[in-house]
Amino acid sequence: EKFAEGEEKNEDSLIDIAGHTSEYALSKLVSEANLRQEYLRGDFMPVTILRFAIIYGIRSANFGSLEGVASDAKKNDTVTFSGSRRSGRCYTHLQDTVRGIRAAFGRKDFQIINLAGDKLITLEDIVHGVEKMCNKKVVIAEKNPSDVVARNISNKKAKELLGWEPQIGLEEGLKTIEPYI
């Protein structure tokens, strides 16, 4: 889905089912609806559904988007994006995600909660973070600069209900993955 760069989506935001072409994404949405219905019938266990933003962290292969961009920026003097450098996500470090999962244990109600970073991190932010970390300059090329895809996910509910908030920012997170990228 393409959202306006500043538009924040929360757990109650409408999800365009027609816009999801992945069977995996559709299965998650259908499962959420089924669990909500069972809970509302009154004879069902408590349910906490955690919606994870894109998780990044230490891994030596099968990089996610943040690790892939960081690796490209570390190894090359030019990074090329098919869309806009302003595209971004509310990336969450693996350690923060694990803390969020732990914080969700023991709830006695039905909740859908986003575990997401505090702010939208753009592809350009990742490249600049690598530049700073590696003390180098990287040129960013964009094939389609007007194609901004930004998923700005609210984590306010996680903060309120779980007492959780991300602790690892981009700069610190990049340092944890630097040896692997």
N, C-alpha and C. Protein backbone atom coordinates (compact mmCIF):
# COMPACT_ATOMS: atom_id res chain seq x y z
N GLU A 1 0.84 -1.18 0.00
CA GLU A 1 0.00 0.00 0.00
C GLU A 1 0.88 1.23 0.00
N LYS A 2 0.42 2.24 -0.68
CA LYS A 2 1.13 3.52 -0.68
C LYS A 2 0.38 4.48 0.21
N PHE A 3 1.07 5.02 1.21
CA PHE A 3 0.48 5.99 2.11
C PHE A 3 1.21 7.31 1.91
N ALA A 4 0.51 8.38 2.18
CA ALA A 4 1.19 9.67 2.18
C ALA A 4 2.31 9.60 3.20
N GLU A 5 3.41 10.29 2.92
CA GLU A 5 4.60 10.17 3.77
C GLU A 5 4.32 10.44 5.24
N GLY A 6 3.45 11.37 5.57
CA GLY A 6 3.20 11.70 6.96
C GLY A 6 2.01 10.98 7.56
N GLU A 7 1.23 10.30 6.74
CA GLU A 7 0.00 9.67 7.22
C GLU A 7 0.34 8.44 8.08
N GLU A 8 -0.09 8.49 9.33
CA GLU A 8 0.20 7.40 10.26
C GLU A 8 -0.98 6.43 10.32
N LYS A 9 -0.67 5.15 10.23
CA LYS A 9 -1.70 4.11 10.29
C LYS A 9 -1.65 3.45 11.66
N ASN A 10 -2.84 3.28 12.28
CA ASN A 10 -2.89 2.58 13.55
C ASN A 10 -3.64 1.27 13.38
N GLU A 11 -3.89 0.58 14.47
CA GLU A 11 -4.52 -0.73 14.42
C GLU A 11 -5.96 -0.68 13.91
N ASP A 12 -6.59 0.47 13.99
CA ASP A 12 -7.98 0.61 13.53
C ASP A 12 -8.09 1.13 12.10
N SER A 13 -6.97 1.45 11.48
CA SER A 13 -6.99 1.97 10.11
C SER A 13 -7.51 0.90 9.16
N LEU A 14 -8.25 1.33 8.17
CA LEU A 14 -8.80 0.43 7.18
C LEU A 14 -7.68 -0.21 6.38
N ILE A 15 -7.75 -1.53 6.22
CA ILE A 15 -6.77 -2.25 5.42
C ILE A 15 -7.46 -2.64 4.12
N ASP A 16 -6.89 -2.23 3.01
CA ASP A 16 -7.46 -2.50 1.71
C ASP A 16 -7.14 -3.94 1.32
N ILE A 17 -8.10 -4.83 1.53
CA ILE A 17 -7.88 -6.24 1.24
C ILE A 17 -7.61 -6.45 -0.24
N ALA A 18 -8.29 -5.70 -1.10
CA ALA A 18 -8.08 -5.85 -2.54
C ALA A 18 -6.65 -5.48 -2.93
N GLY A 19 -6.01 -4.64 -2.13
CA GLY A 19 -4.65 -4.22 -2.44
C GLY A 19 -3.59 -5.25 -2.07
N HIS A 20 -3.98 -6.29 -1.35
CA HIS A 20 -3.03 -7.33 -0.95
C HIS A 20 -3.07 -8.47 -1.94
N THR A 21 -1.96 -8.70 -2.61
CA THR A 21 -1.90 -9.79 -3.57
C THR A 21 -1.22 -11.02 -2.99
N SER A 22 -0.62 -10.90 -1.85
CA SER A 22 0.08 -12.00 -1.22
C SER A 22 -0.89 -12.88 -0.42
N GLU A 23 -0.83 -14.17 -0.66
CA GLU A 23 -1.67 -15.10 0.11
C GLU A 23 -1.31 -15.02 1.59
N TYR A 24 -0.05 -14.80 1.89
CA TYR A 24 0.40 -14.69 3.28
C TYR A 24 -0.29 -13.51 3.97
N ALA A 25 -0.28 -12.33 3.32
CA ALA A 25 -0.91 -11.15 3.90
C ALA A 25 -2.41 -11.37 4.08
N LEU A 26 -3.04 -11.95 3.09
CA LEU A 26 -4.48 -12.22 3.19
C LEU A 26 -4.79 -13.20 4.31
N SER A 27 -3.95 -14.22 4.47
CA SER A 27 -4.19 -15.21 5.52
C SER A 27 -4.09 -14.57 6.90
N LYS A 28 -3.20 -13.60 7.07
CA LYS A 28 -3.09 -12.90 8.35
C LYS A 28 -4.35 -12.09 8.64
N LEU A 29 -4.85 -11.39 7.62
CA LEU A 29 -6.06 -10.58 7.81
C LEU A 29 -7.27 -11.45 8.13
N VAL A 30 -7.40 -12.57 7.43
CA VAL A 30 -8.53 -13.48 7.68
C VAL A 30 -8.41 -14.08 9.07
N SER A 31 -7.22 -14.45 9.48
CA SER A 31 -7.01 -15.01 10.82
C SER A 31 -7.36 -14.00 11.91
N GLU A 32 -6.97 -12.75 11.73
CA GLU A 32 -7.34 -11.70 12.69
C GLU A 32 -8.86 -11.60 12.81
N ALA A 33 -9.54 -11.58 11.67
CA ALA A 33 -11.00 -11.47 11.68
C ALA A 33 -11.63 -12.67 12.38
N ASN A 34 -11.13 -13.86 12.10
CA ASN A 34 -11.67 -15.07 12.74
C ASN A 34 -11.45 -15.06 14.25
N LEU A 35 -10.27 -14.68 14.70
CA LEU A 35 -9.98 -14.64 16.13
C LEU A 35 -10.83 -13.58 16.84
N ARG A 36 -11.00 -12.42 16.20
CA ARG A 36 -11.85 -11.38 16.78
C ARG A 36 -13.28 -11.89 16.93
N GLN A 37 -13.80 -12.55 15.91
CA GLN A 37 -15.16 -13.07 15.95
C GLN A 37 -15.33 -14.11 17.06
N GLU A 38 -14.39 -15.00 17.19
CA GLU A 38 -14.45 -16.03 18.24
C GLU A 38 -14.42 -15.38 19.62
N TYR A 39 -13.54 -14.39 19.80
CA TYR A 39 -13.45 -13.71 21.08
C TYR A 39 -14.75 -12.99 21.41
N LEU A 40 -15.33 -12.31 20.43
CA LEU A 40 -16.56 -11.55 20.66
C LEU A 40 -17.76 -12.45 20.97
N ARG A 41 -17.70 -13.70 20.56
CA ARG A 41 -18.78 -14.65 20.89
C ARG A 41 -18.81 -14.94 22.38
N GLY A 42 -17.70 -14.67 23.06
CA GLY A 42 -17.69 -14.76 24.51
C GLY A 42 -17.13 -16.02 25.12
N ASP A 43 -16.94 -17.05 24.38
CA ASP A 43 -16.45 -18.31 24.94
C ASP A 43 -15.12 -18.68 24.28
N PHE A 44 -14.16 -17.78 24.43
CA PHE A 44 -12.89 -18.00 23.77
C PHE A 44 -11.79 -17.40 24.62
N MET A 45 -10.60 -17.90 24.44
CA MET A 45 -9.46 -17.42 25.23
C MET A 45 -9.08 -16.00 24.86
N PRO A 46 -8.35 -15.32 25.73
CA PRO A 46 -7.84 -13.98 25.40
C PRO A 46 -6.89 -14.08 24.19
N VAL A 47 -6.89 -13.05 23.38
CA VAL A 47 -6.08 -13.07 22.16
C VAL A 47 -5.34 -11.73 22.04
N THR A 48 -4.04 -11.80 21.86
CA THR A 48 -3.25 -10.61 21.55
C THR A 48 -2.55 -10.88 20.23
N ILE A 49 -2.89 -10.08 19.25
CA ILE A 49 -2.26 -10.18 17.93
C ILE A 49 -1.25 -9.05 17.82
N LEU A 50 -0.02 -9.42 17.55
CA LEU A 50 1.03 -8.42 17.36
C LEU A 50 1.30 -8.28 15.87
N ARG A 51 1.18 -7.07 15.40
CA ARG A 51 1.52 -6.76 14.01
C ARG A 51 2.92 -6.18 14.01
N PHE A 52 3.84 -6.89 13.41
CA PHE A 52 5.23 -6.46 13.40
C PHE A 52 5.52 -5.56 12.20
N ALA A 53 6.21 -4.47 12.48
CA ALA A 53 6.77 -3.67 11.39
C ALA A 53 7.93 -4.50 10.83
N ILE A 54 8.63 -3.96 9.86
CA ILE A 54 9.76 -4.72 9.30
C ILE A 54 10.86 -4.80 10.34
N ILE A 55 11.22 -6.02 10.66
CA ILE A 55 12.23 -6.30 11.69
C ILE A 55 13.60 -6.42 11.03
N TYR A 56 14.59 -5.80 11.66
CA TYR A 56 15.96 -5.96 11.17
C TYR A 56 16.84 -6.33 12.34
N GLY A 57 17.98 -6.90 12.02
CA GLY A 57 18.92 -7.28 13.07
C GLY A 57 20.03 -8.14 12.51
N ILE A 58 20.73 -8.79 13.40
CA ILE A 58 21.89 -9.57 13.03
C ILE A 58 21.47 -10.79 12.22
N ARG A 59 21.99 -10.88 11.01
CA ARG A 59 21.84 -12.08 10.18
C ARG A 59 22.91 -12.03 9.11
N SER A 60 23.40 -13.17 8.73
CA SER A 60 24.50 -13.21 7.77
C SER A 60 24.03 -13.47 6.35
N ALA A 61 22.75 -13.79 6.18
CA ALA A 61 22.21 -14.06 4.84
C ALA A 61 20.73 -13.69 4.83
N ASN A 62 20.14 -13.75 3.66
CA ASN A 62 18.72 -13.44 3.49
C ASN A 62 18.36 -12.10 4.12
N PHE A 63 19.11 -11.07 3.76
CA PHE A 63 18.90 -9.75 4.31
C PHE A 63 17.49 -9.25 4.04
N GLY A 64 16.93 -8.52 5.01
CA GLY A 64 15.71 -7.78 4.80
C GLY A 64 16.06 -6.48 4.10
N SER A 65 15.07 -5.62 3.92
CA SER A 65 15.30 -4.40 3.16
C SER A 65 16.33 -3.48 3.81
N LEU A 66 16.26 -3.29 5.11
CA LEU A 66 17.21 -2.38 5.77
C LEU A 66 18.63 -2.93 5.65
N GLU A 67 18.81 -4.22 5.94
CA GLU A 67 20.15 -4.81 5.85
C GLU A 67 20.67 -4.77 4.41
N GLY A 68 19.78 -4.99 3.45
CA GLY A 68 20.19 -4.96 2.04
C GLY A 68 20.66 -3.59 1.61
N VAL A 69 19.93 -2.55 1.96
CA VAL A 69 20.32 -1.18 1.62
C VAL A 69 21.63 -0.83 2.33
N ALA A 70 21.74 -1.18 3.61
CA ALA A 70 22.95 -0.87 4.37
C ALA A 70 24.16 -1.59 3.77
N SER A 71 23.99 -2.85 3.39
CA SER A 71 25.09 -3.60 2.79
C SER A 71 25.52 -2.98 1.47
N ASP A 72 24.54 -2.60 0.66
CA ASP A 72 24.83 -1.97 -0.63
C ASP A 72 25.59 -0.66 -0.42
N ALA A 73 25.15 0.15 0.54
CA ALA A 73 25.80 1.43 0.81
C ALA A 73 27.21 1.24 1.38
N LYS A 74 27.39 0.20 2.17
CA LYS A 74 28.71 -0.06 2.76
C LYS A 74 29.71 -0.51 1.68
N LYS A 75 29.24 -1.31 0.73
CA LYS A 75 30.14 -1.90 -0.26
C LYS A 75 30.34 -1.06 -1.52
N ASN A 76 29.46 -0.11 -1.76
CA ASN A 76 29.50 0.64 -3.02
C ASN A 76 29.54 2.14 -2.79
N ASP A 77 29.98 2.85 -3.81
CA ASP A 77 30.00 4.31 -3.75
C ASP A 77 28.70 4.91 -4.27
N THR A 78 27.90 4.11 -4.97
CA THR A 78 26.60 4.55 -5.47
C THR A 78 25.56 3.50 -5.15
N VAL A 79 24.40 3.96 -4.69
CA VAL A 79 23.27 3.08 -4.42
C VAL A 79 22.12 3.55 -5.31
N THR A 80 21.50 2.60 -6.00
CA THR A 80 20.40 2.94 -6.91
C THR A 80 19.10 2.35 -6.40
N PHE A 81 18.07 3.19 -6.29
CA PHE A 81 16.75 2.75 -5.87
C PHE A 81 15.81 2.77 -7.07
N SER A 82 14.95 1.76 -7.16
CA SER A 82 13.98 1.71 -8.26
C SER A 82 12.93 2.81 -8.10
N GLY A 83 12.68 3.21 -6.86
CA GLY A 83 11.72 4.28 -6.57
C GLY A 83 12.42 5.46 -5.95
N SER A 84 11.79 6.01 -4.92
CA SER A 84 12.29 7.22 -4.27
C SER A 84 13.12 6.92 -3.03
N ARG A 85 14.11 7.75 -2.81
CA ARG A 85 14.91 7.69 -1.59
C ARG A 85 14.08 8.03 -0.35
N ARG A 86 12.91 8.67 -0.57
CA ARG A 86 12.03 9.04 0.53
C ARG A 86 11.10 7.91 0.96
N SER A 87 11.16 6.78 0.25
CA SER A 87 10.37 5.60 0.66
C SER A 87 10.89 5.11 1.99
N GLY A 88 10.00 4.60 2.83
CA GLY A 88 10.47 4.17 4.13
C GLY A 88 9.47 3.34 4.89
N ARG A 89 9.92 2.86 6.02
CA ARG A 89 9.13 2.03 6.93
C ARG A 89 9.49 2.42 8.37
N CYS A 90 8.71 1.93 9.31
CA CYS A 90 9.01 2.12 10.73
C CYS A 90 9.75 0.87 11.22
N TYR A 91 10.96 0.69 10.73
CA TYR A 91 11.76 -0.49 11.05
C TYR A 91 11.92 -0.65 12.56
N THR A 92 11.99 -1.91 12.99
CA THR A 92 12.16 -2.22 14.40
C THR A 92 13.29 -3.22 14.56
N HIS A 93 14.21 -2.93 15.45
CA HIS A 93 15.31 -3.84 15.70
C HIS A 93 14.79 -5.11 16.36
N LEU A 94 15.40 -6.23 16.04
CA LEU A 94 15.00 -7.53 16.57
C LEU A 94 14.92 -7.53 18.10
N GLN A 95 15.87 -6.92 18.76
CA GLN A 95 15.86 -6.91 20.23
C GLN A 95 14.65 -6.17 20.78
N ASP A 96 14.26 -5.08 20.12
CA ASP A 96 13.06 -4.35 20.54
C ASP A 96 11.81 -5.20 20.29
N THR A 97 11.78 -5.91 19.19
CA THR A 97 10.63 -6.77 18.88
C THR A 97 10.47 -7.86 19.94
N VAL A 98 11.56 -8.48 20.33
CA VAL A 98 11.52 -9.52 21.36
C VAL A 98 10.99 -8.94 22.68
N ARG A 99 11.44 -7.74 23.03
CA ARG A 99 10.94 -7.10 24.25
C ARG A 99 9.43 -6.84 24.15
N GLY A 100 8.96 -6.47 22.97
CA GLY A 100 7.54 -6.24 22.77
C GLY A 100 6.71 -7.51 22.91
N ILE A 101 7.24 -8.59 22.39
CA ILE A 101 6.55 -9.89 22.52
C ILE A 101 6.44 -10.27 23.99
N ARG A 102 7.53 -10.12 24.70
CA ARG A 102 7.51 -10.44 26.14
C ARG A 102 6.51 -9.57 26.90
N ALA A 103 6.43 -8.31 26.54
CA ALA A 103 5.53 -7.38 27.22
C ALA A 103 4.06 -7.74 26.97
N ALA A 104 3.79 -8.43 25.88
CA ALA A 104 2.40 -8.78 25.53
C ALA A 104 1.89 -10.02 26.26
N PHE A 105 2.77 -10.80 26.83
CA PHE A 105 2.34 -12.02 27.53
C PHE A 105 1.41 -11.69 28.69
N GLY A 106 0.38 -12.52 28.88
CA GLY A 106 -0.47 -12.42 30.05
C GLY A 106 -1.67 -11.51 29.92
N ARG A 107 -1.90 -10.92 28.76
CA ARG A 107 -3.07 -10.06 28.59
C ARG A 107 -4.33 -10.91 28.72
N LYS A 108 -5.41 -10.31 29.18
CA LYS A 108 -6.66 -11.04 29.43
C LYS A 108 -7.81 -10.56 28.54
N ASP A 109 -7.47 -9.92 27.41
CA ASP A 109 -8.50 -9.36 26.55
C ASP A 109 -8.17 -9.67 25.09
N PHE A 110 -8.86 -9.02 24.19
CA PHE A 110 -8.55 -9.12 22.77
C PHE A 110 -7.92 -7.81 22.34
N GLN A 111 -6.74 -7.90 21.78
CA GLN A 111 -6.05 -6.69 21.30
C GLN A 111 -5.28 -7.01 20.02
N ILE A 112 -5.24 -6.03 19.16
CA ILE A 112 -4.34 -6.02 18.01
C ILE A 112 -3.40 -4.86 18.25
N ILE A 113 -2.09 -5.15 18.27
CA ILE A 113 -1.11 -4.14 18.67
C ILE A 113 0.04 -4.12 17.66
N ASN A 114 0.36 -2.93 17.17
CA ASN A 114 1.51 -2.76 16.29
C ASN A 114 2.79 -2.67 17.11
N LEU A 115 3.79 -3.42 16.71
CA LEU A 115 5.15 -3.25 17.25
C LEU A 115 5.97 -2.64 16.11
N ALA A 116 6.20 -1.36 16.20
CA ALA A 116 6.87 -0.62 15.13
C ALA A 116 7.82 0.40 15.73
N GLY A 117 8.77 0.81 14.92
CA GLY A 117 9.69 1.85 15.34
C GLY A 117 8.98 3.16 15.59
N ASP A 118 9.66 4.08 16.25
CA ASP A 118 9.07 5.36 16.61
C ASP A 118 8.87 6.30 15.43
N LYS A 119 9.62 6.10 14.37
CA LYS A 119 9.49 7.04 13.25
C LYS A 119 9.78 6.33 11.94
N LEU A 120 9.31 6.96 10.90
CA LEU A 120 9.55 6.48 9.55
C LEU A 120 11.04 6.64 9.24
N ILE A 121 11.67 5.55 8.84
CA ILE A 121 13.07 5.58 8.44
C ILE A 121 13.09 5.39 6.93
N THR A 122 13.62 6.38 6.23
CA THR A 122 13.65 6.32 4.77
C THR A 122 14.89 5.58 4.28
N LEU A 123 14.86 5.23 3.00
CA LEU A 123 16.04 4.60 2.40
C LEU A 123 17.22 5.55 2.48
N GLU A 124 16.96 6.84 2.31
CA GLU A 124 18.01 7.85 2.41
C GLU A 124 18.59 7.89 3.84
N ASP A 125 17.73 7.75 4.85
CA ASP A 125 18.21 7.73 6.24
C ASP A 125 19.19 6.57 6.46
N ILE A 126 18.87 5.42 5.87
CA ILE A 126 19.74 4.24 6.02
C ILE A 126 21.09 4.50 5.38
N VAL A 127 21.08 5.05 4.16
CA VAL A 127 22.34 5.35 3.47
C VAL A 127 23.15 6.37 4.28
N HIS A 128 22.51 7.42 4.77
CA HIS A 128 23.24 8.42 5.56
C HIS A 128 23.80 7.80 6.85
N GLY A 129 23.06 6.88 7.46
CA GLY A 129 23.55 6.19 8.65
C GLY A 129 24.80 5.38 8.36
N VAL A 130 24.82 4.72 7.21
CA VAL A 130 26.00 3.94 6.82
C VAL A 130 27.16 4.88 6.49
N GLU A 131 26.86 6.00 5.84
CA GLU A 131 27.93 6.97 5.56
C GLU A 131 28.62 7.41 6.85
N LYS A 132 27.82 7.72 7.84
CA LYS A 132 28.36 8.17 9.13
C LYS A 132 29.15 7.04 9.80
N MET A 133 28.57 5.85 9.80
CA MET A 133 29.21 4.71 10.46
C MET A 133 30.53 4.34 9.78
N CYS A 134 30.58 4.40 8.46
CA CYS A 134 31.76 3.96 7.70
C CYS A 134 32.65 5.12 7.26
N ASN A 135 32.26 6.34 7.64
CA ASN A 135 33.04 7.53 7.28
C ASN A 135 33.32 7.57 5.78
N LYS A 136 32.23 7.53 5.00
CA LYS A 136 32.36 7.57 3.55
C LYS A 136 31.18 8.32 2.96
N LYS A 137 31.24 8.64 1.69
CA LYS A 137 30.16 9.32 0.98
C LYS A 137 29.58 8.35 -0.05
N VAL A 138 28.25 8.28 -0.09
CA VAL A 138 27.56 7.41 -1.04
C VAL A 138 26.61 8.25 -1.88
N VAL A 139 26.67 8.09 -3.17
CA VAL A 139 25.78 8.79 -4.09
C VAL A 139 24.49 7.97 -4.20
N ILE A 140 23.34 8.65 -4.09
CA ILE A 140 22.05 7.97 -4.23
C ILE A 140 21.46 8.31 -5.59
N ALA A 141 21.13 7.26 -6.36
CA ALA A 141 20.45 7.44 -7.64
C ALA A 141 19.04 6.87 -7.51
N GLU A 142 18.08 7.56 -8.12
CA GLU A 142 16.68 7.13 -8.07
C GLU A 142 16.18 6.95 -9.51
N LYS A 143 15.61 5.77 -9.80
CA LYS A 143 15.05 5.55 -11.12
C LYS A 143 13.70 6.23 -11.28
N ASN A 144 12.94 6.31 -10.18
CA ASN A 144 11.63 6.94 -10.23
C ASN A 144 11.41 7.71 -8.93
N PRO A 145 11.97 8.93 -8.83
CA PRO A 145 11.94 9.69 -7.57
C PRO A 145 10.54 10.04 -7.07
N SER A 146 9.55 10.02 -7.94
CA SER A 146 8.19 10.35 -7.49
C SER A 146 7.46 9.14 -6.91
N ASP A 147 8.05 7.97 -7.02
CA ASP A 147 7.42 6.74 -6.51
C ASP A 147 7.80 6.54 -5.04
N VAL A 148 7.11 7.24 -4.15
CA VAL A 148 7.36 7.16 -2.72
C VAL A 148 6.40 6.13 -2.11
N VAL A 149 6.96 5.11 -1.49
CA VAL A 149 6.16 4.12 -0.79
C VAL A 149 6.57 4.19 0.68
N ALA A 150 5.66 4.69 1.50
CA ALA A 150 5.99 4.90 2.91
C ALA A 150 4.89 4.31 3.77
N ARG A 151 5.27 3.40 4.66
CA ARG A 151 4.32 2.82 5.60
C ARG A 151 4.67 3.33 6.99
N ASN A 152 3.93 4.32 7.42
CA ASN A 152 4.16 4.98 8.70
C ASN A 152 3.20 4.39 9.73
N ILE A 153 3.69 3.49 10.53
CA ILE A 153 2.87 2.70 11.45
C ILE A 153 2.95 3.27 12.87
N SER A 154 1.82 3.48 13.48
CA SER A 154 1.76 4.00 14.85
C SER A 154 2.08 2.89 15.85
N ASN A 155 2.88 3.23 16.85
CA ASN A 155 3.15 2.30 17.95
C ASN A 155 2.57 2.81 19.27
N LYS A 156 1.66 3.78 19.19
CA LYS A 156 1.11 4.40 20.40
C LYS A 156 0.39 3.39 21.29
N LYS A 157 -0.34 2.47 20.68
CA LYS A 157 -1.08 1.49 21.47
C LYS A 157 -0.13 0.57 22.23
N ALA A 158 0.97 0.17 21.61
CA ALA A 158 1.96 -0.66 22.30
C ALA A 158 2.55 0.07 23.49
N LYS A 159 2.78 1.36 23.32
CA LYS A 159 3.32 2.16 24.42
C LYS A 159 2.32 2.25 25.57
N GLU A 160 1.05 2.47 25.21
CA GLU A 160 0.01 2.63 26.24
C GLU A 160 -0.34 1.31 26.94
N LEU A 161 -0.57 0.26 26.17
CA LEU A 161 -1.05 -1.00 26.75
C LEU A 161 0.07 -1.91 27.28
N LEU A 162 1.22 -1.86 26.64
CA LEU A 162 2.30 -2.78 27.01
C LEU A 162 3.42 -2.09 27.77
N GLY A 163 3.42 -0.77 27.79
CA GLY A 163 4.54 -0.06 28.39
C GLY A 163 5.82 -0.28 27.61
N TRP A 164 5.67 -0.57 26.33
CA TRP A 164 6.79 -0.89 25.45
C TRP A 164 7.11 0.30 24.56
N GLU A 165 8.36 0.48 24.29
CA GLU A 165 8.77 1.39 23.24
C GLU A 165 10.13 0.97 22.73
N PRO A 166 10.39 1.24 21.46
CA PRO A 166 11.69 0.85 20.92
C PRO A 166 12.82 1.60 21.61
N GLN A 167 13.91 0.90 21.84
CA GLN A 167 15.06 1.50 22.50
C GLN A 167 16.27 1.63 21.58
N ILE A 168 16.25 0.90 20.47
CA ILE A 168 17.40 0.89 19.57
C ILE A 168 17.07 1.73 18.34
N GLY A 169 17.73 2.87 18.23
CA GLY A 169 17.55 3.75 17.08
C GLY A 169 18.37 3.27 15.89
N LEU A 170 18.22 3.95 14.78
CA LEU A 170 18.89 3.53 13.55
C LEU A 170 20.40 3.49 13.70
N GLU A 171 20.99 4.52 14.28
CA GLU A 171 22.45 4.56 14.40
C GLU A 171 22.98 3.37 15.20
N GLU A 172 22.37 3.11 16.34
CA GLU A 172 22.81 1.98 17.17
C GLU A 172 22.50 0.65 16.47
N GLY A 173 21.34 0.58 15.83
CA GLY A 173 20.95 -0.64 15.12
C GLY A 173 21.92 -0.97 13.99
N LEU A 174 22.33 0.05 13.24
CA LEU A 174 23.30 -0.19 12.16
C LEU A 174 24.61 -0.73 12.71
N LYS A 175 25.02 -0.24 13.86
CA LYS A 175 26.28 -0.74 14.46
C LYS A 175 26.17 -2.22 14.81
N THR A 176 24.96 -2.68 15.20
CA THR A 176 24.82 -4.10 15.54
C THR A 176 24.90 -5.01 14.32
N ILE A 177 24.50 -4.49 13.15
CA ILE A 177 24.53 -5.33 11.95
C ILE A 177 25.77 -5.11 11.09
N GLU A 178 26.56 -4.09 11.39
CA GLU A 178 27.72 -3.72 10.56
C GLU A 178 28.65 -4.89 10.25
N PRO A 179 28.99 -5.75 11.21
CA PRO A 179 29.90 -6.85 10.88
C PRO A 179 29.31 -7.86 9.89
N TYR A 180 28.02 -7.86 9.71
CA TYR A 180 27.35 -8.89 8.90
C TYR A 180 26.95 -8.41 7.51
N ILE A 181 27.03 -7.09 7.29
CA ILE A 181 26.55 -6.57 6.01
C ILE A 181 27.65 -6.37 4.99
